[in-house]
């Protein structure tokens, strides 16, 4: 019996945003803080596609680095017809600038956010719109 995931909107995909907030950041704070107090360097091994979802980190030389980010991905071996885990890239950063960059949000313009919300709300309410103010009216007052 072959099992195949359906494609489209409900196709399973990784939740990198949740992973960075719930797992990576707490570990960096706790374990990284310990390594910093011991004056030790650390490594973080991640899938490259996960690292690519993080904000662009300020890099430094290997000798000045506190963290070496080892980025891995699957590479297909045609001879064996299998995927192998391979180191794709190593990024070097200092602890505090990297942590600050990852934990500092970059909020966009609030009017853009409200517009997106209102557009999505309108899509669901087009058939039977309520007699209520729009999000823009609520925020403006």
C-alpha atoms as a PDB file:
ATOM      1  CA  UNK A   1       0.000   0.000   0.000  1.00  0.00           C
ATOM      2  CA  UNK A   2       1.466   3.348  -1.045  1.00  0.00           C
ATOM      3  CA  UNK A   3       0.753   6.347   1.131  1.00  0.00           C
ATOM      4  CA  UNK A   4       0.913   9.708  -0.579  1.00  0.00           C
ATOM      5  CA  UNK A   5       0.346  13.125   0.975  1.00  0.00           C
ATOM      6  CA  UNK A   6      -2.116  15.252  -0.936  1.00  0.00           C
ATOM      7  CA  UNK A   7      -0.653  18.430  -2.355  1.00  0.00           C
ATOM      8  CA  UNK A   8      -2.049  21.904  -1.951  1.00  0.00           C
ATOM      9  CA  UNK A   9      -2.945  24.182   0.922  1.00  0.00           C
ATOM     10  CA  UNK A  10      -3.131  21.448   3.589  1.00  0.00           C
ATOM     11  CA  UNK A  11       0.088  19.731   2.519  1.00  0.00           C
ATOM     12  CA  UNK A  12       2.257  19.225   5.637  1.00  0.00           C
ATOM     13  CA  UNK A  13       5.154  21.654   5.940  1.00  0.00           C
ATOM     14  CA  UNK A  14       7.662  22.535   8.645  1.00  0.00           C
ATOM     15  CA  UNK A  15       6.777  25.240  11.142  1.00  0.00           C
ATOM     16  CA  UNK A  16      10.127  27.026  11.259  1.00  0.00           C
ATOM     17  CA  UNK A  17       8.799  30.160  12.958  1.00  0.00           C
ATOM     18  CA  UNK A  18       7.461  28.151  15.875  1.00  0.00           C
ATOM     19  CA  UNK A  19      10.650  26.085  16.023  1.00  0.00           C
ATOM     20  CA  UNK A  20      12.851  29.159  16.274  1.00  0.00           C
ATOM     21  CA  UNK A  21      10.736  30.775  18.991  1.00  0.00           C
ATOM     22  CA  UNK A  22       9.973  27.680  21.045  1.00  0.00           C
ATOM     23  CA  UNK A  23      13.192  25.716  20.700  1.00  0.00           C
ATOM     24  CA  UNK A  24      16.152  27.568  19.244  1.00  0.00           C
ATOM     25  CA  UNK A  25      15.872  30.840  21.202  1.00  0.00           C
ATOM     26  CA  UNK A  26      15.408  29.256  24.668  1.00  0.00           C
ATOM     27  CA  UNK A  27      18.341  26.923  24.044  1.00  0.00           C
ATOM     28  CA  UNK A  28      20.525  29.779  22.847  1.00  0.00           C
ATOM     29  CA  UNK A  29      19.614  31.840  25.921  1.00  0.00           C
ATOM     30  CA  UNK A  30      20.104  29.071  28.432  1.00  0.00           C
ATOM     31  CA  UNK A  31      22.916  26.960  27.012  1.00  0.00           C
ATOM     32  CA  UNK A  32      24.565  29.863  25.201  1.00  0.00           C
ATOM     33  CA  UNK A  33      24.587  31.860  28.423  1.00  0.00           C
ATOM     34  CA  UNK A  34      26.374  29.004  30.169  1.00  0.00           C
ATOM     35  CA  UNK A  35      28.951  28.704  27.386  1.00  0.00           C
ATOM     36  CA  UNK A  36      29.489  32.468  27.470  1.00  0.00           C
ATOM     37  CA  UNK A  37      30.121  32.422  31.232  1.00  0.00           C
ATOM     38  CA  UNK A  38      32.619  29.600  30.731  1.00  0.00           C
ATOM     39  CA  UNK A  39      34.256  31.475  27.810  1.00  0.00           C
ATOM     40  CA  UNK A  40      33.519  28.508  25.544  1.00  0.00           C
ATOM     41  CA  UNK A  41      32.390  28.429  21.943  1.00  0.00           C
ATOM     42  CA  UNK A  42      29.331  26.569  20.747  1.00  0.00           C
ATOM     43  CA  UNK A  43      27.935  24.949  17.651  1.00  0.00           C
ATOM     44  CA  UNK A  44      24.400  24.829  16.333  1.00  0.00           C
ATOM     45  CA  UNK A  45      23.478  22.241  13.710  1.00  0.00           C
ATOM     46  CA  UNK A  46      20.438  23.141  11.610  1.00  0.00           C
ATOM     47  CA  UNK A  47      18.779  22.242   8.360  1.00  0.00           C
ATOM     48  CA  UNK A  48      19.774  24.933   5.860  1.00  0.00           C
ATOM     49  CA  UNK A  49      16.162  25.690   4.963  1.00  0.00           C
ATOM     50  CA  UNK A  50      15.434  26.396   8.651  1.00  0.00           C
ATOM     51  CA  UNK A  51      18.454  28.701   8.958  1.00  0.00           C
ATOM     52  CA  UNK A  52      17.330  30.538   5.820  1.00  0.00           C
ATOM     53  CA  UNK A  53      14.097  31.544   7.603  1.00  0.00           C
ATOM     54  CA  UNK A  54      16.053  33.338  10.352  1.00  0.00           C
ATOM     55  CA  UNK A  55      16.930  37.000   9.977  1.00  0.00           C
ATOM     56  CA  UNK A  56      20.281  37.625   8.312  1.00  0.00           C
ATOM     57  CA  UNK A  57      22.856  37.221  11.075  1.00  0.00           C
ATOM     58  CA  UNK A  58      25.934  39.442  11.367  1.00  0.00           C
ATOM     59  CA  UNK A  59      28.887  37.194  10.609  1.00  0.00           C
ATOM     60  CA  UNK A  60      32.444  37.317  11.851  1.00  0.00           C
ATOM     61  CA  UNK A  61      35.700  35.453  11.354  1.00  0.00           C
ATOM     62  CA  UNK A  62      36.136  31.924  12.661  1.00  0.00           C
ATOM     63  CA  UNK A  63      38.669  33.132  15.244  1.00  0.00           C
ATOM     64  CA  UNK A  64      36.302  35.792  16.687  1.00  0.00           C
ATOM     65  CA  UNK A  65      33.182  33.622  16.565  1.00  0.00           C
ATOM     66  CA  UNK A  66      31.290  32.375  19.617  1.00  0.00           C
ATOM     67  CA  UNK A  67      28.949  30.235  17.504  1.00  0.00           C
ATOM     68  CA  UNK A  68      29.571  28.051  14.478  1.00  0.00           C
ATOM     69  CA  UNK A  69      26.302  27.373  12.654  1.00  0.00           C
ATOM     70  CA  UNK A  70      26.617  24.046  10.788  1.00  0.00           C
ATOM     71  CA  UNK A  71      24.011  23.998   8.021  1.00  0.00           C
ATOM     72  CA  UNK A  72      22.990  20.607   6.683  1.00  0.00           C
ATOM     73  CA  UNK A  73      20.815  19.420   3.860  1.00  0.00           C
ATOM     74  CA  UNK A  74      19.986  16.208   2.063  1.00  0.00           C
ATOM     75  CA  UNK A  75      21.965  15.433  -1.078  1.00  0.00           C
ATOM     76  CA  UNK A  76      20.784  12.752  -3.451  1.00  0.00           C
ATOM     77  CA  UNK A  77      23.247   9.960  -4.250  1.00  0.00           C
ATOM     78  CA  UNK A  78      22.117   8.609  -7.614  1.00  0.00           C
ATOM     79  CA  UNK A  79      24.427   5.550  -7.426  1.00  0.00           C
ATOM     80  CA  UNK A  80      22.816   4.363  -4.193  1.00  0.00           C
ATOM     81  CA  UNK A  81      19.405   5.900  -4.942  1.00  0.00           C
ATOM     82  CA  UNK A  82      19.317   7.501  -1.497  1.00  0.00           C
ATOM     83  CA  UNK A  83      19.647  10.827   0.247  1.00  0.00           C
ATOM     84  CA  UNK A  84      22.589  11.549   2.525  1.00  0.00           C
ATOM     85  CA  UNK A  85      22.897  14.259   5.139  1.00  0.00           C
ATOM     86  CA  UNK A  86      25.650  16.641   4.076  1.00  0.00           C
ATOM     87  CA  UNK A  87      27.250  19.737   5.573  1.00  0.00           C
ATOM     88  CA  UNK A  88      26.401  22.542   3.140  1.00  0.00           C
ATOM     89  CA  UNK A  89      27.836  25.608   4.856  1.00  0.00           C
ATOM     90  CA  UNK A  90      29.315  26.884   8.125  1.00  0.00           C
ATOM     91  CA  UNK A  91      28.432  30.383   9.346  1.00  0.00           C
ATOM     92  CA  UNK A  92      30.367  32.088  12.149  1.00  0.00           C
ATOM     93  CA  UNK A  93      28.746  34.634  14.465  1.00  0.00           C
ATOM     94  CA  UNK A  94      29.291  36.258  17.819  1.00  0.00           C
ATOM     95  CA  UNK A  95      26.814  35.259  20.524  1.00  0.00           C
ATOM     96  CA  UNK A  96      25.184  38.552  21.521  1.00  0.00           C
ATOM     97  CA  UNK A  97      24.777  40.104  18.044  1.00  0.00           C
ATOM     98  CA  UNK A  98      23.289  36.840  16.704  1.00  0.00           C
ATOM     99  CA  UNK A  99      20.908  36.465  19.649  1.00  0.00           C
ATOM    100  CA  UNK A 100      19.840  40.101  19.444  1.00  0.00           C
ATOM    101  CA  UNK A 101      19.200  39.814  15.697  1.00  0.00           C
ATOM    102  CA  UNK A 102      17.111  36.659  16.058  1.00  0.00           C
ATOM    103  CA  UNK A 103      15.060  37.958  18.993  1.00  0.00           C
ATOM    104  CA  UNK A 104      14.378  41.484  17.709  1.00  0.00           C
ATOM    105  CA  UNK A 105      11.142  41.601  15.711  1.00  0.00           C
ATOM    106  CA  UNK A 106      10.908  43.603  12.501  1.00  0.00           C
ATOM    107  CA  UNK A 107       7.301  44.729  12.500  1.00  0.00           C
ATOM    108  CA  UNK A 108       6.001  46.178   9.293  1.00  0.00           C
ATOM    109  CA  UNK A 109       3.764  49.197   8.942  1.00  0.00           C
ATOM    110  CA  UNK A 110       0.552  48.770  10.962  1.00  0.00           C
ATOM    111  CA  UNK A 111      -1.572  50.073   8.077  1.00  0.00           C
ATOM    112  CA  UNK A 112      -0.279  47.225   5.863  1.00  0.00           C
ATOM    113  CA  UNK A 113      -1.168  44.726   8.591  1.00  0.00           C
ATOM    114  CA  UNK A 114      -4.683  46.173   9.019  1.00  0.00           C
ATOM    115  CA  UNK A 115      -5.195  46.153   5.239  1.00  0.00           C
ATOM    116  CA  UNK A 116      -4.279  42.446   5.031  1.00  0.00           C
ATOM    117  CA  UNK A 117      -6.600  41.602   7.929  1.00  0.00           C
ATOM    118  CA  UNK A 118      -9.458  43.616   6.438  1.00  0.00           C
ATOM    119  CA  UNK A 119      -8.963  42.007   3.010  1.00  0.00           C
ATOM    120  CA  UNK A 120      -9.120  38.514   4.509  1.00  0.00           C
ATOM    121  CA  UNK A 121     -12.122  39.433   6.602  1.00  0.00           C
ATOM    122  CA  UNK A 122     -13.879  40.909   3.553  1.00  0.00           C
ATOM    123  CA  UNK A 123     -13.279  37.702   1.580  1.00  0.00           C
ATOM    124  CA  UNK A 124     -15.244  35.754   4.203  1.00  0.00           C
ATOM    125  CA  UNK A 125     -17.963  38.349   4.652  1.00  0.00           C
ATOM    126  CA  UNK A 126     -18.700  39.211   1.002  1.00  0.00           C
ATOM    127  CA  UNK A 127     -21.762  36.945   0.923  1.00  0.00           C
ATOM    128  CA  UNK A 128     -23.410  38.337   4.031  1.00  0.00           C
ATOM    129  CA  UNK A 129     -21.668  41.482   5.301  1.00  0.00           C
ATOM    130  CA  UNK A 130     -22.488  42.513   8.870  1.00  0.00           C
ATOM    131  CA  UNK A 131     -23.581  46.006   9.787  1.00  0.00           C
ATOM    132  CA  UNK A 132     -20.324  46.742  11.625  1.00  0.00           C
ATOM    133  CA  UNK A 133     -17.367  49.104  11.231  1.00  0.00           C
ATOM    134  CA  UNK A 134     -14.267  48.011   9.347  1.00  0.00           C
ATOM    135  CA  UNK A 135     -10.963  47.380  11.119  1.00  0.00           C
ATOM    136  CA  UNK A 136      -9.681  50.683   9.734  1.00  0.00           C
ATOM    137  CA  UNK A 137     -12.639  52.515  11.332  1.00  0.00           C
ATOM    138  CA  UNK A 138     -12.003  50.823  14.682  1.00  0.00           C
ATOM    139  CA  UNK A 139      -8.248  51.548  14.685  1.00  0.00           C
ATOM    140  CA  UNK A 140      -8.712  55.161  13.548  1.00  0.00           C
ATOM    141  CA  UNK A 141     -11.126  56.129  16.324  1.00  0.00           C
END
